[in-house]
Amino acid sequence: MTVLLPDADWRHRPGLDALLDALDAAGGKARFVGGAVRDGLLGLRVNDLDIATTIDPHEVVDRLKTAGIKAVPTGIDHGTITAVIGGWPVEITTLRRDVSTDGRRATIAYTDDWREDAARRDFTINALYADPLTREVTDYFGGVADLEARRLRFIGDASARIAEDHLRILRYFRFLARYGGDVLDADAYEACRAAANSLMALSRERIADELLKLIVVAAPLHALRLMVDGGILRAVLPEVDGAGIARLEQLIAREAAAGVTPAPVRRLASLLPPDAAIADGIAARLKLSNKARKRLSIALEPGGLDESPRALAYRIGVEGAFDRMLLEPHVPLEALEAIRGWTPPTLPIGGGALIQRGLQPGPDVAKALQAVQQMWVTEGFPDAGRVAALADQIVSKFQRARQ
């Protein structure tokens, strides 16, 4: 039975038809592949578009330039060119076969055999191609049936696929969380368990990227429990245990009830022991960005929840306050409304105004300004008139202390 890729808005983005013409899609030299086909068949939103082609990558660049399409050689040594159409990136990869692999990277050769290209991919649901013009889906390994059954299978032998790229262990659980159903492929799970220690050979950046993608999906708990029970993370993230998954489950429920968009760093914070120092060490180990590392630590720092929501947000930032309040189950969700969409104000007075009131220049100015700010925050950020009165009080207090 012929399966057709449903039409969707992404297929009509400006510049896509010109790109397909440049790649001679009408002549059978280019097809949509991977996520766009998979998600398109499921009726999901397609964000990233990949095109597979029989054309050599250097010729792809020449064709795009001739067509006036920006071509970025993002991975030309591995056959991948990124075309930019209307500000939208489209990855174009020449059909490949693996010559050799070491679990981290592969030596490849180009091919014009679509099935050979499909055979080197990880899961059956990712090895689907669609003709851009007829929308006919080509399926070599039963991926369409697996999509319909919500079944996640490796192509061929699971252990062999994992040996080619150890990251596929983590990818298996991420795709299981998003696309899998209740039936677990026992062979795939056992292969992941057996090879779990091979994750130590991967860069920490790749591990972090996959883990953050996994925990931010709508329903990651089943996959994470399987990972903990099977010792999958023990080699690279032994701190994650059943208690962490319970905290994540609680956070997911609170995010949903509050209508808050899931954030991968916040969810990671829930998985880790509630200790900022430990979390910072884990963030360093995973080589998270400085921004993510700081956010993780702020989320797990103790205290602050006895302050008003706006006082907390003023001190640590709105983002940090949201994280900390959501992570603490005893904080009522209604309290979030005080800082939703709120921009912390700026103290409407400076040290110069205190000097004008008679305070002597020196260390006292900074101390007095801090005291004014503390009272301003405590009183709920009153207007400039009230701040002026507070400044008068503080200056008078400091002057009396110096007499």
Protein backbone atom coordinates (compact mmCIF):
# COMPACT_ATOMS: atom_id res chain seq x y z
CA MET A 1 0.00 0.00 0.00
CA THR A 2 1.31 3.42 -0.96
CA VAL A 3 1.78 5.79 1.97
CA LEU A 4 1.72 9.53 1.28
CA LEU A 5 3.23 12.26 3.41
CA PRO A 6 0.39 14.62 4.38
CA ASP A 7 0.62 18.13 3.01
CA ALA A 8 1.46 20.76 5.62
CA ASP A 9 2.43 24.41 5.96
CA TRP A 10 6.16 23.71 6.14
CA ARG A 11 6.07 22.25 2.64
CA HIS A 12 5.06 25.67 1.26
CA ARG A 13 7.71 27.81 2.92
CA PRO A 14 9.16 30.43 0.58
CA GLY A 15 12.25 29.21 -1.23
CA LEU A 16 11.73 25.49 -0.70
CA ASP A 17 10.53 24.78 -4.23
CA ALA A 18 13.52 26.65 -5.67
CA LEU A 19 15.81 24.56 -3.45
CA LEU A 20 14.20 21.34 -4.63
CA ASP A 21 14.55 22.46 -8.25
CA ALA A 22 18.26 23.13 -7.69
CA LEU A 23 18.64 19.59 -6.33
CA ASP A 24 16.66 18.07 -9.22
CA ALA A 25 14.03 16.52 -6.98
CA ALA A 26 11.89 15.96 -10.10
CA GLY A 27 14.68 13.74 -11.42
CA GLY A 28 14.69 11.67 -8.24
CA LYS A 29 17.91 13.09 -6.86
CA ALA A 30 16.50 14.49 -3.60
CA ARG A 31 14.01 13.32 -0.98
CA PHE A 32 12.83 14.49 2.41
CA VAL A 33 14.21 12.24 5.13
CA GLY A 34 14.10 11.59 8.85
CA GLY A 35 12.26 13.82 11.28
CA ALA A 36 10.21 15.77 8.74
CA VAL A 37 8.80 12.53 7.33
CA ARG A 38 8.36 10.90 10.72
CA ASP A 39 6.66 13.88 12.35
CA GLY A 40 4.75 14.72 9.20
CA LEU A 41 3.19 11.25 9.17
CA LEU A 42 2.21 11.72 12.82
CA GLY A 43 0.68 15.12 12.14
CA LEU A 44 3.20 16.84 14.39
CA ARG A 45 4.78 20.23 13.80
CA VAL A 46 7.88 20.00 11.62
CA ASN A 47 10.64 22.37 12.73
CA ASP A 48 13.78 20.88 11.22
CA LEU A 49 13.98 19.76 7.61
CA ASP A 50 16.53 17.32 6.24
CA ILE A 51 16.96 16.41 2.60
CA ALA A 52 18.91 13.41 1.35
CA THR A 53 20.44 13.57 -2.11
CA THR A 54 22.49 11.47 -4.52
CA ILE A 55 24.44 14.59 -5.53
CA ASP A 56 28.05 15.02 -4.33
CA PRO A 57 28.26 17.68 -1.57
CA HIS A 58 30.60 19.94 -3.56
CA GLU A 59 28.20 19.84 -6.47
CA VAL A 60 25.37 20.65 -4.04
CA VAL A 61 27.23 23.83 -3.09
CA ASP A 62 27.72 24.75 -6.76
CA ARG A 63 24.05 24.13 -7.58
CA LEU A 64 22.86 26.24 -4.66
CA LYS A 65 25.16 29.11 -5.55
CA THR A 66 23.95 29.00 -9.15
CA ALA A 67 20.38 29.16 -7.88
CA GLY A 68 21.20 32.12 -5.63
CA ILE A 69 20.66 30.08 -2.45
CA LYS A 70 23.00 30.55 0.50
CA ALA A 71 25.03 27.41 1.15
CA VAL A 72 26.92 26.86 4.42
CA PRO A 73 29.40 23.92 4.47
CA THR A 74 28.47 22.97 8.04
CA GLY A 75 29.60 19.36 7.67
CA ILE A 76 30.90 19.06 4.15
CA ASP A 77 33.55 16.51 5.15
CA HIS A 78 30.67 14.22 6.14
CA GLY A 79 28.50 15.18 3.20
CA THR A 80 26.27 17.80 4.84
CA ILE A 81 25.51 21.27 3.51
CA THR A 82 23.10 23.70 5.15
CA ALA A 83 20.97 25.72 2.76
CA VAL A 84 19.39 28.89 4.11
CA ILE A 85 16.05 29.87 2.57
CA GLY A 86 14.17 32.79 4.04
CA GLY A 87 16.24 32.54 7.20
CA TRP A 88 15.25 28.87 7.55
CA PRO A 89 18.07 26.26 7.60
CA VAL A 90 17.67 23.06 5.60
CA GLU A 91 20.27 20.32 5.99
CA ILE A 92 21.19 18.53 2.78
CA THR A 93 23.22 15.34 3.09
CA THR A 94 24.60 13.15 0.33
CA LEU A 95 23.68 9.47 0.61
CA ARG A 96 26.31 7.65 2.65
CA ARG A 97 27.48 4.28 3.84
CA ASP A 98 29.76 3.58 6.78
CA VAL A 99 33.22 2.28 5.95
CA SER A 100 34.31 2.02 9.58
CA THR A 101 33.17 3.27 12.99
CA ASP A 102 34.66 3.48 16.47
CA GLY A 103 31.54 4.28 18.47
CA ARG A 104 32.14 8.03 18.34
CA ARG A 105 32.70 8.87 14.68
CA ALA A 106 32.42 7.09 11.37
CA THR A 107 34.47 6.99 8.19
CA ILE A 108 31.96 7.24 5.38
CA ALA A 109 31.78 6.82 1.63
CA TYR A 110 29.17 8.29 -0.67
CA THR A 111 26.66 6.10 -2.43
CA ASP A 112 23.71 6.41 -4.78
CA ASP A 113 21.85 3.54 -3.10
CA TRP A 114 18.93 4.82 -1.02
CA ARG A 115 18.55 1.55 0.89
CA GLU A 116 22.25 1.57 1.79
CA ASP A 117 21.84 5.07 3.19
CA ALA A 118 18.77 3.98 5.15
CA ALA A 119 20.59 0.96 6.60
CA ARG A 120 23.18 3.15 8.37
CA ARG A 121 20.51 5.10 10.29
CA ASP A 122 19.54 4.30 13.86
CA PHE A 123 15.81 3.55 14.11
CA THR A 124 13.26 2.35 11.62
CA ILE A 125 11.10 5.44 12.18
CA ASN A 126 14.06 7.66 11.22
CA ALA A 127 14.81 5.81 7.98
CA LEU A 128 11.78 7.09 6.08
CA TYR A 129 12.07 9.08 2.84
CA ALA A 130 9.42 11.05 0.97
CA ASP A 131 9.37 12.23 -2.62
CA PRO A 132 8.90 16.03 -2.42
CA LEU A 133 6.66 16.09 -5.48
CA THR A 134 4.50 12.97 -5.21
CA ARG A 135 4.75 12.82 -1.37
CA GLU A 136 5.16 9.04 -1.67
CA VAL A 137 6.97 7.54 1.34
CA THR A 138 9.76 5.00 0.88
CA ASP A 139 10.11 2.65 3.83
CA TYR A 140 12.79 -0.05 3.77
CA PHE A 141 12.55 -1.39 7.32
CA GLY A 142 8.94 -1.18 8.49
CA GLY A 143 9.17 2.30 10.00
CA VAL A 144 5.63 3.29 9.06
CA ALA A 145 4.17 0.26 10.83
CA ASP A 146 6.37 0.97 13.84
CA LEU A 147 5.10 4.57 13.95
CA GLU A 148 1.52 3.36 13.89
CA ALA A 149 2.22 0.84 16.67
CA ARG A 150 4.29 3.35 18.69
CA ARG A 151 7.13 0.85 18.56
CA LEU A 152 10.79 1.92 18.64
CA ARG A 153 13.22 -0.48 16.98
CA PHE A 154 16.82 -0.27 15.90
CA ILE A 155 17.49 -1.09 12.27
CA GLY A 156 18.93 -4.58 12.26
CA ASP A 157 20.92 -5.75 15.28
CA ALA A 158 20.64 -3.32 18.20
CA SER A 159 24.10 -4.11 19.57
CA ALA A 160 25.69 -3.49 16.18
CA ARG A 161 23.89 -0.14 15.81
CA ILE A 162 25.06 0.93 19.27
CA ALA A 163 28.64 -0.16 18.55
CA GLU A 164 28.62 2.18 15.55
CA ASP A 165 27.66 5.17 17.68
CA HIS A 166 27.43 4.93 21.48
CA LEU A 167 25.24 8.02 21.61
CA ARG A 168 22.44 5.87 20.21
CA ILE A 169 21.94 4.54 23.73
CA LEU A 170 20.74 7.94 24.91
CA ARG A 171 18.94 8.60 21.64
CA TYR A 172 17.01 5.36 22.12
CA PHE A 173 15.54 6.55 25.41
CA ARG A 174 14.84 10.06 24.09
CA PHE A 175 12.93 8.66 21.12
CA LEU A 176 11.25 6.10 23.35
CA ALA A 177 9.98 8.93 25.55
CA ARG A 178 8.59 10.86 22.60
CA TYR A 179 7.44 8.17 20.19
CA GLY A 180 7.39 4.86 22.03
CA GLY A 181 4.39 3.22 23.62
CA ASP A 182 4.03 0.84 26.52
CA VAL A 183 5.71 -2.13 24.81
CA LEU A 184 9.48 -2.13 25.26
CA ASP A 185 11.75 -3.82 22.73
CA ALA A 186 13.56 -6.25 25.04
CA ASP A 187 16.50 -6.75 22.67
CA ALA A 188 17.07 -3.00 22.36
CA TYR A 189 16.87 -2.48 26.12
CA GLU A 190 19.30 -5.28 26.87
CA ALA A 191 21.70 -3.97 24.23
CA CYS A 192 21.60 -0.53 25.84
CA ARG A 193 22.22 -2.00 29.28
CA ALA A 194 25.10 -4.12 28.07
CA ALA A 195 26.81 -1.19 26.38
CA ALA A 196 26.06 1.48 29.00
CA ASN A 197 29.70 1.87 30.07
CA SER A 198 30.60 2.85 26.51
CA LEU A 199 28.92 6.20 27.19
CA MET A 200 32.13 7.17 29.03
CA ALA A 201 33.86 7.38 25.64
CA LEU A 202 31.55 10.16 24.48
CA SER A 203 32.13 13.86 24.96
CA ARG A 204 30.24 15.30 27.90
CA GLU A 205 28.71 17.91 25.61
CA ARG A 206 27.02 15.22 23.52
CA ILE A 207 25.77 13.45 26.64
CA ALA A 208 24.36 16.69 28.07
CA ASP A 209 22.69 17.60 24.79
CA GLU A 210 20.86 14.28 24.57
CA LEU A 211 19.91 14.25 28.24
CA LEU A 212 18.46 17.77 28.14
CA LYS A 213 16.48 16.91 25.01
CA LEU A 214 15.10 13.83 26.75
CA ILE A 215 13.98 15.42 30.00
CA VAL A 216 12.15 18.28 28.28
CA VAL A 217 9.80 16.04 26.26
CA ALA A 218 6.20 15.88 27.42
CA ALA A 219 6.45 12.47 29.11
CA PRO A 220 10.04 11.48 29.98
CA LEU A 221 9.38 9.57 33.21
CA HIS A 222 8.91 6.05 31.82
CA ALA A 223 12.13 6.24 29.82
CA LEU A 224 14.08 7.72 32.73
CA ARG A 225 12.88 5.00 35.10
CA LEU A 226 14.08 2.39 32.62
CA MET A 227 17.44 4.15 32.45
CA VAL A 228 17.83 4.23 36.24
CA ASP A 229 16.62 0.66 36.73
CA GLY A 230 18.93 -0.58 33.98
CA GLY A 231 22.00 1.33 35.19
CA ILE A 232 22.20 3.23 31.91
CA LEU A 233 23.33 6.52 33.47
CA ARG A 234 25.53 5.03 36.17
CA ALA A 235 28.76 5.57 34.24
CA VAL A 236 28.17 9.24 33.45
CA LEU A 237 25.52 10.57 35.84
CA PRO A 238 25.28 8.29 38.89
CA GLU A 239 23.60 11.03 40.95
CA VAL A 240 20.28 10.48 39.16
CA ASP A 241 18.15 8.00 41.07
CA GLY A 242 14.56 7.15 41.85
CA ALA A 243 14.22 10.09 44.23
CA GLY A 244 15.25 12.45 41.45
CA ILE A 245 12.68 10.99 39.10
CA ALA A 246 10.02 11.48 41.79
CA ARG A 247 11.04 15.13 42.06
CA LEU A 248 10.87 15.51 38.28
CA GLU A 249 7.41 13.93 38.26
CA GLN A 250 6.28 16.48 40.82
CA LEU A 251 7.81 19.34 38.83
CA ILE A 252 6.15 18.23 35.58
CA ALA A 253 2.78 18.26 37.32
CA ARG A 254 3.42 21.73 38.76
CA GLU A 255 4.59 23.11 35.40
CA ALA A 256 1.43 21.80 33.75
CA ALA A 257 -0.86 23.12 36.47
CA ALA A 258 0.79 26.54 36.34
CA GLY A 259 0.88 26.68 32.55
CA VAL A 260 4.65 27.13 32.58
CA THR A 261 6.74 26.09 29.58
CA PRO A 262 9.13 23.26 30.50
CA ALA A 263 12.78 24.29 30.77
CA PRO A 264 15.51 21.65 30.40
CA VAL A 265 17.81 23.17 33.07
CA ARG A 266 14.93 23.43 35.58
CA ARG A 267 14.05 19.81 34.93
CA LEU A 268 17.66 18.78 35.31
CA ALA A 269 17.71 20.59 38.66
CA SER A 270 14.81 18.45 39.84
CA LEU A 271 16.62 15.25 38.86
CA LEU A 272 19.77 16.09 40.80
CA PRO A 273 20.32 16.01 44.56
CA PRO A 274 18.97 19.29 46.02
CA ASP A 275 22.42 20.68 46.69
CA ALA A 276 23.77 23.65 44.73
CA ALA A 277 27.42 22.64 45.18
CA ILE A 278 26.82 19.11 43.91
CA ALA A 279 24.77 20.45 41.00
CA ASP A 280 27.53 22.88 40.07
CA GLY A 281 30.04 20.02 39.97
CA ILE A 282 27.71 18.02 37.73
CA ALA A 283 27.23 21.03 35.46
CA ALA A 284 31.01 21.35 35.16
CA ARG A 285 31.30 17.65 34.40
CA LEU A 286 28.65 17.92 31.67
CA LYS A 287 30.33 21.09 30.38
CA LEU A 288 27.13 23.08 30.43
CA SER A 289 27.32 26.69 29.32
CA ASN A 290 28.12 29.28 31.97
CA LYS A 291 24.55 30.54 31.71
CA ALA A 292 23.04 27.08 32.24
CA ARG A 293 25.48 26.31 35.04
CA LYS A 294 24.55 29.51 36.89
CA ARG A 295 20.83 28.85 36.42
CA LEU A 296 21.21 25.33 37.78
CA SER A 297 23.00 26.55 40.90
CA ILE A 298 20.53 29.38 41.54
CA ALA A 299 17.62 26.95 41.25
CA LEU A 300 19.06 24.69 43.95
CA GLU A 301 20.45 27.26 46.35
CA PRO A 302 18.70 26.99 49.73
CA GLY A 303 16.49 29.67 51.23
CA GLY A 304 14.65 32.64 49.85
CA LEU A 305 11.20 31.08 49.91
CA ASP A 306 10.29 33.01 53.03
CA GLU A 307 10.56 36.20 50.99
CA SER A 308 7.73 37.56 48.89
CA PRO A 309 7.84 36.26 45.28
CA ARG A 310 8.80 39.70 43.97
CA ALA A 311 11.49 40.18 46.59
CA LEU A 312 12.97 36.82 45.60
CA ALA A 313 12.72 37.65 41.90
CA TYR A 314 14.39 41.02 42.48
CA ARG A 315 17.29 39.34 44.26
CA ILE A 316 17.93 36.31 42.03
CA GLY A 317 16.05 37.17 38.84
CA VAL A 318 12.56 36.26 37.63
CA GLU A 319 13.80 33.12 35.89
CA GLY A 320 15.57 31.90 39.00
CA ALA A 321 12.56 32.67 41.18
CA PHE A 322 10.26 30.73 38.85
CA ASP A 323 12.62 27.75 38.96
CA ARG A 324 13.01 27.76 42.73
CA MET A 325 9.30 28.23 43.43
CA LEU A 326 8.29 25.48 41.02
CA LEU A 327 10.86 23.09 42.46
CA GLU A 328 9.52 23.61 46.00
CA PRO A 329 6.24 21.65 46.30
CA HIS A 330 5.11 23.63 49.37
CA VAL A 331 4.99 26.92 47.46
CA PRO A 332 1.42 27.49 46.21
CA LEU A 333 1.28 27.89 42.44
CA GLU A 334 -0.80 31.04 42.86
CA ALA A 335 2.34 32.75 44.15
CA LEU A 336 3.83 32.56 40.66
CA GLU A 337 1.28 35.06 39.40
CA ALA A 338 3.06 37.85 41.28
CA ILE A 339 6.10 37.51 39.02
CA ARG A 340 4.61 36.19 35.78
CA GLY A 341 5.46 38.83 33.20
CA TRP A 342 6.89 41.10 35.89
CA THR A 343 10.01 43.18 35.23
CA PRO A 344 11.95 44.05 38.40
CA PRO A 345 12.12 47.85 38.78
CA THR A 346 15.24 49.92 39.35
CA LEU A 347 15.73 51.67 42.68
CA PRO A 348 14.70 55.28 41.88
CA ILE A 349 17.54 56.87 43.85
CA GLY A 350 21.33 56.81 43.90
CA GLY A 351 24.19 57.57 46.23
CA GLY A 352 24.36 61.16 45.00
CA ALA A 353 20.90 61.84 46.39
CA LEU A 354 22.03 60.63 49.80
CA ILE A 355 25.07 62.93 49.73
CA GLN A 356 22.78 65.83 48.81
CA ARG A 357 20.83 65.02 51.97
CA GLY A 358 23.96 65.60 54.02
CA LEU A 359 25.56 62.15 54.18
CA GLN A 360 29.35 62.37 54.03
CA PRO A 361 30.97 60.73 50.99
CA GLY A 362 32.58 57.41 51.85
CA PRO A 363 31.63 53.87 52.88
CA ASP A 364 28.45 55.04 54.59
CA VAL A 365 26.92 56.00 51.24
CA ALA A 366 26.95 52.42 49.95
CA LYS A 367 25.70 51.07 53.27
CA ALA A 368 22.90 53.62 53.45
CA LEU A 369 21.86 53.00 49.86
CA GLN A 370 21.72 49.28 50.60
CA ALA A 371 19.51 49.97 53.61
CA VAL A 372 17.17 52.11 51.49
CA GLN A 373 16.99 49.36 48.89
CA GLN A 374 16.21 46.72 51.52
CA MET A 375 13.33 48.76 52.92
CA TRP A 376 12.08 49.52 49.39
CA VAL A 377 12.00 45.82 48.55
CA THR A 378 10.37 44.92 51.88
CA GLU A 379 7.61 47.47 51.31
CA GLY A 380 6.87 46.08 47.85
CA PHE A 381 8.74 48.56 45.63
CA PRO A 382 6.85 51.80 46.43
CA ASP A 383 7.12 54.88 44.20
CA ALA A 384 9.80 57.58 44.19
CA GLY A 385 7.95 59.68 46.77
CA ARG A 386 8.08 56.93 49.34
CA VAL A 387 11.70 56.17 48.45
CA ALA A 388 12.59 59.81 49.14
CA ALA A 389 11.05 59.51 52.58
CA LEU A 390 12.96 56.28 53.22
CA ALA A 391 16.17 58.00 52.17
CA ASP A 392 15.52 60.83 54.60
CA GLN A 393 15.05 58.32 57.43
CA ILE A 394 18.19 56.35 56.59
CA VAL A 395 20.39 59.43 56.17
CA SER A 396 19.14 60.80 59.49
CA LYS A 397 19.90 57.47 61.15
CA PHE A 398 23.47 57.39 59.80
CA GLN A 399 24.09 61.01 60.79
CA ARG A 400 22.95 60.34 64.37
CA ALA A 401 25.23 57.33 64.52
CA ARG A 402 28.20 59.51 63.57
CA GLN A 403 27.50 62.16 66.23
